[in-house]
Protein backbone atom coordinates (compact mmCIF):
# COMPACT_ATOMS: atom_id res chain seq x y z
CA UNK A 1 -15.86 10.67 -15.08
CA UNK A 2 -14.17 10.70 -12.00
CA UNK A 3 -10.59 12.02 -11.54
CA UNK A 4 -7.97 9.14 -11.38
CA UNK A 5 -6.35 9.19 -7.81
CA UNK A 6 -2.84 8.45 -9.71
CA UNK A 7 -1.77 9.31 -13.29
CA UNK A 8 1.98 8.92 -14.19
CA UNK A 9 3.15 9.73 -17.66
CA UNK A 10 6.74 8.98 -19.00
CA UNK A 11 8.03 8.06 -15.69
CA UNK A 12 11.73 7.08 -15.03
CA UNK A 13 12.73 6.13 -11.30
CA UNK A 14 15.96 5.86 -10.25
CA UNK A 15 17.64 4.99 -6.97
CA UNK A 16 20.92 7.16 -6.62
CA UNK A 17 22.22 7.03 -10.04
CA UNK A 18 20.74 3.66 -10.86
CA UNK A 19 17.72 3.53 -13.10
CA UNK A 20 15.06 1.05 -11.79
CA UNK A 21 11.97 1.88 -13.86
CA UNK A 22 11.65 3.67 -17.08
CA UNK A 23 8.87 4.49 -19.42
CA UNK A 24 6.28 4.09 -16.98
CA UNK A 25 2.73 5.32 -18.10
CA UNK A 26 0.03 4.26 -15.53
CA UNK A 27 -3.26 5.51 -14.60
CA UNK A 28 -5.18 4.21 -11.65
CA UNK A 29 -8.67 4.98 -11.91
CA UNK A 30 -11.19 5.75 -9.15
CA UNK A 31 -12.86 2.50 -7.85
CA UNK A 32 -10.41 0.15 -9.07
CA UNK A 33 -8.83 -2.78 -7.35
CA UNK A 34 -5.53 -2.84 -9.03
CA UNK A 35 -2.47 -5.19 -7.93
CA UNK A 36 1.04 -4.56 -8.95
CA UNK A 37 2.80 -7.75 -9.44
CA UNK A 38 6.40 -8.77 -10.35
CA UNK A 39 9.08 -10.99 -8.89
CA UNK A 40 11.67 -9.77 -6.33
CA UNK A 41 13.73 -6.85 -7.51
CA UNK A 42 11.16 -6.03 -10.08
CA UNK A 43 10.41 -2.53 -8.64
CA UNK A 44 6.90 -2.90 -7.24
CA UNK A 45 7.80 -1.07 -3.95
CA UNK A 46 9.92 1.55 -5.87
CA UNK A 47 6.86 2.46 -8.12
CA UNK A 48 4.50 2.59 -5.09
CA UNK A 49 6.82 4.95 -3.34
CA UNK A 50 7.26 7.24 -6.27
CA UNK A 51 3.48 7.27 -6.91
CA UNK A 52 3.37 8.57 -3.14
CA UNK A 53 6.14 11.34 -3.77
CA UNK A 54 8.41 9.25 -1.30
CA UNK A 55 11.00 8.71 -4.14
CA UNK A 56 11.44 11.55 -6.70
CA UNK A 57 10.97 11.05 -10.37
CA UNK A 58 13.92 11.26 -12.61
CA UNK A 59 11.58 12.31 -15.57
CA UNK A 60 7.92 12.54 -15.97
CA UNK A 61 4.76 13.86 -14.61
CA UNK A 62 2.62 12.50 -11.66
CA UNK A 63 -0.71 13.95 -10.67
CA UNK A 64 -2.74 12.79 -7.71
CA UNK A 65 -6.57 13.47 -8.18
CA UNK A 66 -5.64 15.74 -10.95
CA UNK A 67 -3.37 17.81 -8.91
CA UNK A 68 0.50 17.88 -9.87
CA UNK A 69 2.43 16.20 -7.12
CA UNK A 70 4.22 19.33 -6.13
CA UNK A 71 0.90 21.21 -5.48
CA UNK A 72 -0.87 18.10 -3.81
CA UNK A 73 -1.95 18.67 -0.23
CA UNK A 74 -4.90 16.48 0.55
CA UNK A 75 -2.88 13.45 1.92
CA UNK A 76 -5.96 12.41 4.02
CA UNK A 77 -7.44 11.09 1.07
CA UNK A 78 -4.43 8.68 0.47
CA UNK A 79 -3.97 5.84 3.05
CA UNK A 80 -0.55 3.87 2.92
CA UNK A 81 0.53 0.67 4.41
CA UNK A 82 4.29 0.28 3.82
CA UNK A 83 6.03 -3.11 3.53
CA UNK A 84 7.56 -4.59 6.85
CA UNK A 85 7.43 -1.30 8.89
CA UNK A 86 7.50 -1.53 12.41
CA UNK A 87 4.38 -0.42 14.24
CA UNK A 88 6.04 0.54 17.37
CA UNK A 89 9.76 1.74 16.53
CA UNK A 90 10.59 0.89 20.19
CA UNK A 91 8.05 2.94 21.75
CA UNK A 92 5.66 1.22 24.18
CA UNK A 93 2.26 2.22 22.80
CA UNK A 94 -1.10 0.45 22.59
CA UNK A 95 -2.91 -0.63 19.60
CA UNK A 96 -5.52 2.07 19.69
CA UNK A 97 -2.88 4.74 20.10
CA UNK A 98 -0.96 3.63 16.81
CA UNK A 99 -4.46 3.38 14.96
CA UNK A 100 -5.30 6.94 16.37
CA UNK A 101 -2.32 8.35 14.70
CA UNK A 102 -4.08 7.81 11.50
CA UNK A 103 -6.43 10.36 12.38
CA UNK A 104 -3.80 13.12 12.77
CA UNK A 105 -4.81 14.82 9.41
CA UNK A 106 -8.49 14.86 10.30
CA UNK A 107 -8.46 15.46 14.08
CA UNK A 108 -9.35 18.71 15.66
CA UNK A 109 -6.16 20.53 15.86
CA UNK A 110 -4.82 21.43 19.44
CA UNK A 111 -7.82 19.61 20.91
CA UNK A 112 -6.73 15.90 20.92
CA UNK A 113 -8.56 12.91 19.68
CA UNK A 114 -12.38 13.08 20.48
CA UNK A 115 -15.04 10.52 20.48
CA UNK A 116 -15.27 10.50 16.59
CA UNK A 117 -11.70 9.69 16.31
CA UNK A 118 -11.72 6.76 18.75
CA UNK A 119 -14.92 5.55 17.08
CA UNK A 120 -13.03 5.52 13.59
CA UNK A 121 -10.25 3.86 15.39
CA UNK A 122 -12.31 1.15 16.72
CA UNK A 123 -14.20 0.49 13.24
CA UNK A 124 -10.78 0.33 11.74
CA UNK A 125 -9.69 -2.25 14.07
CA UNK A 126 -12.95 -4.36 13.60
CA UNK A 127 -12.30 -4.18 9.73
CA UNK A 128 -9.02 -5.99 10.60
CA UNK A 129 -10.44 -8.35 13.27
CA UNK A 130 -8.11 -6.92 16.00
CA UNK A 131 -10.94 -4.88 17.84
CA UNK A 132 -10.29 -7.24 21.00
CA UNK A 133 -6.79 -6.07 21.22
CA UNK A 134 -7.42 -2.45 21.14
CA UNK A 135 -6.01 -1.78 24.57
CA UNK A 136 -2.94 -4.18 24.32
CA UNK A 137 0.58 -3.09 23.65
CA UNK A 138 1.57 -3.28 20.17
CA UNK A 139 5.05 -5.03 20.81
CA UNK A 140 3.13 -8.05 22.37
CA UNK A 141 1.36 -8.80 18.94
CA UNK A 142 2.76 -11.08 16.19
CA UNK A 143 4.31 -9.65 12.85
CA UNK A 144 1.12 -10.32 11.09
CA UNK A 145 -0.87 -8.61 13.88
CA UNK A 146 1.15 -5.63 13.81
CA UNK A 147 0.96 -5.41 10.05
CA UNK A 148 -3.01 -5.33 10.46
CA UNK A 149 -2.81 -2.56 13.06
CA UNK A 150 -0.84 -0.64 10.30
CA UNK A 151 -3.67 -1.22 7.80
CA UNK A 152 -6.04 -0.07 10.40
CA UNK A 153 -4.10 3.27 10.97
CA UNK A 154 -4.41 3.85 7.35
CA UNK A 155 -8.14 3.02 7.45
CA UNK A 156 -8.84 5.17 10.34
CA UNK A 157 -8.18 8.38 8.38
CA UNK A 158 -11.11 7.60 5.89
CA UNK A 159 -8.88 7.44 2.60
CA UNK A 160 -10.35 7.55 -0.82
CA UNK A 161 -7.36 5.17 -1.95
CA UNK A 162 -5.66 2.57 0.11
CA UNK A 163 -2.12 1.76 -0.89
CA UNK A 164 -0.75 -1.42 0.60
CA UNK A 165 2.80 -2.81 0.22
CA UNK A 166 2.62 -6.66 0.47
CA UNK A 167 0.28 -6.59 3.28
CA UNK A 168 -0.38 -10.37 3.27
CA UNK A 169 3.33 -10.87 4.29
CA UNK A 170 3.46 -12.88 7.65
CA UNK A 171 -0.33 -13.41 7.98
CA UNK A 172 -1.47 -16.87 8.13
CA UNK A 173 -3.84 -18.55 5.47
CA UNK A 174 -7.06 -17.82 7.46
CA UNK A 175 -6.51 -14.48 8.25
CA UNK A 176 -5.40 -13.91 4.57
CA UNK A 177 -8.92 -14.91 3.43
CA UNK A 178 -10.47 -12.66 6.09
CA UNK A 179 -8.30 -9.66 5.03
CA UNK A 180 -9.29 -10.42 1.49
CA UNK A 181 -12.91 -10.26 2.24
CA UNK A 182 -12.04 -6.83 4.18
CA UNK A 183 -10.37 -5.26 1.15
CA UNK A 184 -13.50 -6.36 -1.10
CA UNK A 185 -15.83 -4.78 1.08
CA UNK A 186 -13.68 -1.60 1.14
CA UNK A 187 -13.46 -1.51 -2.63
CA UNK A 188 -17.21 -2.16 -2.99
CA UNK A 189 -18.00 0.87 -0.68
CA UNK A 190 -16.17 3.05 -3.05
CA UNK A 191 -12.60 3.11 -2.13
CA UNK A 192 -9.71 2.46 -4.60
CA UNK A 193 -7.47 -0.29 -3.62
CA UNK A 194 -3.77 -0.45 -4.81
CA UNK A 195 -1.89 -3.52 -3.67
CA UNK A 196 1.66 -4.74 -4.27
CA UNK A 197 1.91 -8.51 -4.18
CA UNK A 198 4.23 -11.27 -5.46
CA UNK A 199 1.16 -13.14 -6.74
CA UNK A 200 -2.58 -12.88 -6.67
CA UNK A 201 -3.23 -15.85 -4.22
CA UNK A 202 -6.31 -15.28 -2.15
CA UNK A 203 -7.00 -12.11 -4.03
CA UNK A 204 -7.35 -13.74 -7.56
CA UNK A 205 -11.18 -13.11 -7.71
CA UNK A 206 -11.24 -9.70 -6.32
CA UNK A 207 -8.93 -7.95 -8.47
CA UNK A 208 -10.02 -5.97 -11.40
CA UNK A 209 -6.83 -5.15 -12.90
CA UNK A 210 -3.24 -6.44 -12.90
CA UNK A 211 -0.07 -4.46 -13.58
CA UNK A 212 2.99 -6.73 -14.01
CA UNK A 213 6.50 -5.34 -13.93
CA UNK A 214 9.59 -6.93 -15.49
CA UNK A 215 12.92 -5.68 -16.89
CA UNK A 216 12.30 -2.12 -15.55
CA UNK A 217 8.97 -1.64 -17.44
CA UNK A 218 5.42 -2.56 -17.29
CA UNK A 219 5.21 -5.67 -19.12
CA UNK A 220 1.38 -6.44 -18.74
CA UNK A 221 -1.48 -4.19 -17.81
CA UNK A 222 -5.04 -5.64 -18.04
CA UNK A 223 -7.50 -8.19 -16.53
CA UNK A 224 -5.71 -10.67 -14.23
CA UNK A 225 -4.38 -13.86 -15.88
CA UNK A 226 -4.32 -17.39 -14.55
CA UNK A 227 -0.38 -17.19 -14.66
CA UNK A 228 -0.72 -14.24 -12.09
CA UNK A 229 -1.74 -16.60 -9.46
CA UNK A 230 1.82 -17.59 -8.83
CA UNK A 231 4.95 -15.98 -9.93
CA UNK A 232 8.42 -17.22 -9.19
CA UNK A 233 10.26 -15.35 -6.56
CA UNK A 234 13.43 -14.67 -8.67
CA UNK A 235 15.25 -11.37 -9.26
CA UNK A 236 14.51 -9.65 -12.53
CA UNK A 237 16.46 -6.26 -12.28
CA UNK A 238 19.92 -6.46 -10.99
CA UNK A 239 19.90 -2.43 -10.83
CA UNK A 240 17.78 -2.54 -7.67
CA UNK A 241 19.87 -5.20 -6.02
CA UNK A 242 22.78 -2.85 -6.42
CA UNK A 243 20.94 0.11 -5.10
CA UNK A 244 19.55 -1.59 -1.92
CA UNK A 245 22.53 -3.75 -0.83
CA UNK A 246 21.08 -3.88 2.81
CA UNK A 247 17.82 -5.04 2.40
CA UNK A 248 16.86 -8.74 2.28
CA UNK A 249 15.17 -10.00 -0.98
CA UNK A 250 11.74 -10.43 0.31
CA UNK A 251 11.78 -6.74 1.32
CA UNK A 252 12.53 -5.38 -2.01
């Protein structure tokens, strides 16, 4: 049996002194297509960031591919696309340059990017239907297109697991369908896909497992249900609202 990419036992996660999630037992198995669901303020992004070691655990044990977080070094195996993160950060760069930055962990040290790196960047952009914009400045793209550039950046490193936080935000319906097909192909090729969403939407037929958060805990863990197709966007955890006062509700 393959080693799970993520295994969290007895996890308690706090932002500052505010407890957000507690009693979290979650194993994400190799090859799964798992969606983390919940209303605004339920802690979806908080859980993902904790799994990636970006937020420390207040309690609990976390392993990545069987290795405790503190000793894990194979970060090239994990591709991460954060929520509403600027692809440019105010710096004038091309689409190709942004995607090539996803090759840092696998590129030849001190020798710059080679032919293999540029081919990987091109293939990643093809996967998100942006190959034709490879030489364009990123700041000329729409928000949805910039999000797809960030997804291509994560793919360029050839990760075993792809973690995406609200990747369909700002993407029109047609592109959502195309992107869902891309994720399905990546999953069928052997990659584990972990995706944060408010609802299943176009992903409904692709998901093998749904984890729904509510009241600071995992309220459901199993096959996706019809009710997960649409979840009302209301706040379920006031602790997160207090800890993140400067973020708009849709970014929490």
